[in-house]
Amino acid sequence: MAKLFIGGLPFSTTDDELAEAFSQFGNVKSAKVITDRETGKSRGFGFVEYESDEEAKAAIEGQDNKELGGRTIHVSEARERQ
């Protein structure tokens, strides 16, 4: 399983829209836009999980520095919190 960090998301992006934008690169296991605990509003980033590293690499190459909903997004491998 490969997890990607997606930064610079438009604040209106939903989990479903995120999954749809990344589904062209492979089978999206999960897509989650991170929201603020207090307000429930998007924090402008999220995570997408794929079954394989190949799909994740294709998504990084295909989506990094591309536009989604009028904003340039940044896609990289997710790193565990320290």
N, C-alpha and C. Protein backbone atom coordinates (compact mmCIF):
# COMPACT_ATOMS: atom_id res chain seq x y z
N MET A 1 0.85 -1.19 0.00
CA MET A 1 0.00 0.00 0.00
C MET A 1 0.89 1.24 0.00
N ALA A 2 0.52 2.23 -0.81
CA ALA A 2 1.30 3.45 -0.93
C ALA A 2 0.41 4.65 -0.61
N LYS A 3 0.89 5.51 0.26
CA LYS A 3 0.10 6.67 0.69
C LYS A 3 0.76 7.95 0.19
N LEU A 4 -0.06 8.83 -0.40
CA LEU A 4 0.44 10.10 -0.92
C LEU A 4 -0.11 11.27 -0.13
N PHE A 5 0.71 12.30 0.02
CA PHE A 5 0.30 13.57 0.62
C PHE A 5 -0.04 14.51 -0.52
N ILE A 6 -1.22 15.15 -0.44
CA ILE A 6 -1.66 16.10 -1.45
C ILE A 6 -1.81 17.46 -0.77
N GLY A 7 -0.97 18.42 -1.15
CA GLY A 7 -1.01 19.75 -0.55
C GLY A 7 -1.52 20.78 -1.52
N GLY A 8 -2.01 21.90 -1.00
CA GLY A 8 -2.49 23.01 -1.82
C GLY A 8 -3.88 22.80 -2.38
N LEU A 9 -4.66 21.93 -1.76
CA LEU A 9 -6.01 21.66 -2.25
C LEU A 9 -6.92 22.88 -2.09
N PRO A 10 -7.84 23.10 -3.04
CA PRO A 10 -8.87 24.12 -2.84
C PRO A 10 -9.67 23.74 -1.59
N PHE A 11 -10.08 24.72 -0.81
CA PHE A 11 -10.79 24.42 0.44
C PHE A 11 -12.16 23.80 0.22
N SER A 12 -12.66 23.85 -1.03
CA SER A 12 -13.97 23.27 -1.33
C SER A 12 -13.88 21.79 -1.73
N THR A 13 -12.67 21.25 -1.88
CA THR A 13 -12.50 19.86 -2.33
C THR A 13 -13.09 18.87 -1.33
N THR A 14 -13.84 17.89 -1.85
CA THR A 14 -14.40 16.84 -1.01
C THR A 14 -13.57 15.56 -1.16
N ASP A 15 -13.80 14.60 -0.27
CA ASP A 15 -13.12 13.30 -0.36
C ASP A 15 -13.39 12.65 -1.71
N ASP A 16 -14.65 12.71 -2.16
CA ASP A 16 -15.03 12.08 -3.43
C ASP A 16 -14.34 12.75 -4.62
N GLU A 17 -14.25 14.08 -4.60
CA GLU A 17 -13.58 14.80 -5.68
C GLU A 17 -12.09 14.46 -5.71
N LEU A 18 -11.49 14.32 -4.54
CA LEU A 18 -10.08 13.95 -4.45
C LEU A 18 -9.87 12.55 -5.03
N ALA A 19 -10.72 11.61 -4.65
CA ALA A 19 -10.63 10.24 -5.17
C ALA A 19 -10.80 10.23 -6.68
N GLU A 20 -11.76 10.99 -7.18
CA GLU A 20 -12.02 11.04 -8.62
C GLU A 20 -10.82 11.60 -9.39
N ALA A 21 -10.19 12.64 -8.86
CA ALA A 21 -9.05 13.27 -9.52
C ALA A 21 -7.86 12.32 -9.61
N PHE A 22 -7.75 11.40 -8.67
CA PHE A 22 -6.60 10.50 -8.63
C PHE A 22 -6.91 9.09 -9.15
N SER A 23 -8.17 8.80 -9.44
CA SER A 23 -8.54 7.45 -9.87
C SER A 23 -8.00 7.09 -11.25
N GLN A 24 -7.66 8.10 -12.06
CA GLN A 24 -7.12 7.81 -13.40
C GLN A 24 -5.74 7.15 -13.35
N PHE A 25 -5.10 7.15 -12.18
CA PHE A 25 -3.75 6.58 -12.06
C PHE A 25 -3.75 5.19 -11.44
N GLY A 26 -4.91 4.73 -11.00
CA GLY A 26 -4.98 3.40 -10.42
C GLY A 26 -6.16 3.27 -9.48
N ASN A 27 -6.20 2.16 -8.75
CA ASN A 27 -7.29 1.88 -7.83
C ASN A 27 -7.06 2.62 -6.50
N VAL A 28 -7.85 3.67 -6.28
CA VAL A 28 -7.74 4.46 -5.04
C VAL A 28 -8.40 3.69 -3.91
N LYS A 29 -7.59 3.30 -2.91
CA LYS A 29 -8.12 2.58 -1.74
C LYS A 29 -8.86 3.54 -0.82
N SER A 30 -8.29 4.76 -0.65
CA SER A 30 -8.95 5.76 0.18
C SER A 30 -8.46 7.14 -0.23
N ALA A 31 -9.33 8.13 -0.01
CA ALA A 31 -8.98 9.53 -0.26
C ALA A 31 -9.62 10.35 0.84
N LYS A 32 -8.81 11.13 1.54
CA LYS A 32 -9.32 11.87 2.69
C LYS A 32 -8.79 13.29 2.69
N VAL A 33 -9.71 14.26 2.68
CA VAL A 33 -9.34 15.66 2.86
C VAL A 33 -9.35 15.92 4.36
N ILE A 34 -8.26 16.49 4.87
CA ILE A 34 -8.14 16.72 6.31
C ILE A 34 -8.89 18.01 6.68
N THR A 35 -9.71 17.90 7.73
CA THR A 35 -10.51 19.04 8.16
C THR A 35 -10.12 19.49 9.56
N ASP A 36 -10.42 20.74 9.85
CA ASP A 36 -10.15 21.31 11.16
C ASP A 36 -11.13 20.71 12.17
N ARG A 37 -10.63 20.28 13.31
CA ARG A 37 -11.47 19.66 14.34
C ARG A 37 -12.56 20.59 14.85
N GLU A 38 -12.22 21.87 14.98
CA GLU A 38 -13.16 22.84 15.55
C GLU A 38 -14.24 23.26 14.54
N THR A 39 -13.81 23.63 13.32
CA THR A 39 -14.73 24.23 12.36
C THR A 39 -15.29 23.24 11.33
N GLY A 40 -14.60 22.10 11.14
CA GLY A 40 -15.03 21.15 10.14
C GLY A 40 -14.65 21.56 8.72
N LYS A 41 -13.96 22.69 8.58
CA LYS A 41 -13.54 23.17 7.26
C LYS A 41 -12.23 22.50 6.84
N SER A 42 -12.04 22.39 5.52
CA SER A 42 -10.83 21.79 4.97
C SER A 42 -9.60 22.57 5.41
N ARG A 43 -8.51 21.84 5.65
CA ARG A 43 -7.24 22.48 5.99
C ARG A 43 -6.35 22.64 4.76
N GLY A 44 -6.86 22.25 3.58
CA GLY A 44 -6.13 22.46 2.34
C GLY A 44 -5.15 21.36 1.96
N PHE A 45 -5.25 20.22 2.65
CA PHE A 45 -4.42 19.08 2.27
C PHE A 45 -5.15 17.78 2.55
N GLY A 46 -4.62 16.71 1.99
CA GLY A 46 -5.27 15.42 2.18
C GLY A 46 -4.32 14.28 1.83
N PHE A 47 -4.87 13.08 1.85
CA PHE A 47 -4.09 11.88 1.59
C PHE A 47 -4.86 10.97 0.64
N VAL A 48 -4.12 10.31 -0.24
CA VAL A 48 -4.70 9.32 -1.15
C VAL A 48 -3.87 8.05 -1.00
N GLU A 49 -4.56 6.90 -0.90
CA GLU A 49 -3.87 5.62 -0.78
C GLU A 49 -4.16 4.76 -2.01
N TYR A 50 -3.08 4.14 -2.51
CA TYR A 50 -3.18 3.20 -3.63
C TYR A 50 -2.74 1.82 -3.16
N GLU A 51 -3.13 0.80 -3.92
CA GLU A 51 -2.72 -0.56 -3.59
C GLU A 51 -1.26 -0.81 -3.92
N SER A 52 -0.74 -0.13 -4.97
CA SER A 52 0.64 -0.42 -5.39
C SER A 52 1.49 0.84 -5.47
N ASP A 53 2.79 0.64 -5.32
CA ASP A 53 3.75 1.75 -5.46
C ASP A 53 3.76 2.29 -6.88
N GLU A 54 3.53 1.42 -7.86
CA GLU A 54 3.52 1.85 -9.27
C GLU A 54 2.41 2.86 -9.51
N GLU A 55 1.23 2.59 -8.98
CA GLU A 55 0.10 3.51 -9.13
C GLU A 55 0.42 4.84 -8.45
N ALA A 56 1.01 4.77 -7.28
CA ALA A 56 1.36 5.99 -6.54
C ALA A 56 2.38 6.82 -7.30
N LYS A 57 3.40 6.16 -7.85
CA LYS A 57 4.42 6.87 -8.64
C LYS A 57 3.80 7.55 -9.86
N ALA A 58 2.88 6.85 -10.52
CA ALA A 58 2.20 7.42 -11.69
C ALA A 58 1.39 8.65 -11.29
N ALA A 59 0.75 8.59 -10.11
CA ALA A 59 -0.04 9.72 -9.63
C ALA A 59 0.84 10.92 -9.30
N ILE A 60 2.00 10.66 -8.69
CA ILE A 60 2.93 11.76 -8.37
C ILE A 60 3.36 12.44 -9.68
N GLU A 61 3.78 11.61 -10.65
CA GLU A 61 4.23 12.16 -11.94
C GLU A 61 3.10 12.89 -12.67
N GLY A 62 1.89 12.35 -12.57
CA GLY A 62 0.77 12.91 -13.32
C GLY A 62 0.10 14.11 -12.68
N GLN A 63 0.19 14.25 -11.35
CA GLN A 63 -0.56 15.30 -10.68
C GLN A 63 0.28 16.37 -9.98
N ASP A 64 1.55 16.11 -9.68
CA ASP A 64 2.36 17.09 -8.97
C ASP A 64 2.49 18.37 -9.79
N ASN A 65 2.25 19.51 -9.15
CA ASN A 65 2.31 20.84 -9.78
C ASN A 65 1.26 21.03 -10.87
N LYS A 66 0.18 20.25 -10.81
CA LYS A 66 -0.93 20.41 -11.75
C LYS A 66 -2.05 21.18 -11.05
N GLU A 67 -3.02 21.62 -11.84
CA GLU A 67 -4.12 22.39 -11.28
C GLU A 67 -5.30 21.50 -10.92
N LEU A 68 -5.88 21.76 -9.77
CA LEU A 68 -7.10 21.09 -9.35
C LEU A 68 -8.00 22.15 -8.74
N GLY A 69 -9.15 22.36 -9.32
CA GLY A 69 -10.09 23.35 -8.80
C GLY A 69 -9.53 24.76 -8.75
N GLY A 70 -8.65 25.08 -9.69
CA GLY A 70 -8.10 26.44 -9.76
C GLY A 70 -6.86 26.68 -8.93
N ARG A 71 -6.37 25.66 -8.22
CA ARG A 71 -5.15 25.81 -7.42
C ARG A 71 -4.12 24.77 -7.84
N THR A 72 -2.85 25.14 -7.73
CA THR A 72 -1.77 24.21 -8.05
C THR A 72 -1.54 23.31 -6.84
N ILE A 73 -1.63 22.00 -7.08
CA ILE A 73 -1.46 21.06 -5.97
C ILE A 73 -0.05 20.47 -6.00
N HIS A 74 0.38 19.98 -4.85
CA HIS A 74 1.69 19.34 -4.71
C HIS A 74 1.47 17.93 -4.19
N VAL A 75 2.08 16.97 -4.87
CA VAL A 75 1.87 15.56 -4.55
C VAL A 75 3.21 14.92 -4.22
N SER A 76 3.28 14.23 -3.08
CA SER A 76 4.51 13.54 -2.70
C SER A 76 4.15 12.32 -1.86
N GLU A 77 5.15 11.46 -1.63
CA GLU A 77 4.92 10.32 -0.75
C GLU A 77 4.67 10.85 0.66
N ALA A 78 3.67 10.27 1.31
CA ALA A 78 3.38 10.67 2.69
C ALA A 78 4.45 10.10 3.60
N ARG A 79 4.88 10.89 4.57
CA ARG A 79 5.86 10.43 5.55
C ARG A 79 5.19 10.32 6.91
N GLU A 80 5.60 9.34 7.66
CA GLU A 80 5.06 9.17 9.02
C GLU A 80 5.45 10.35 9.88
N ARG A 81 4.54 10.73 10.78
CA ARG A 81 4.87 11.81 11.73
C ARG A 81 5.97 11.37 12.65
N GLN A 82 6.84 12.32 12.98
CA GLN A 82 7.94 12.02 13.90
C GLN A 82 7.47 12.08 15.32
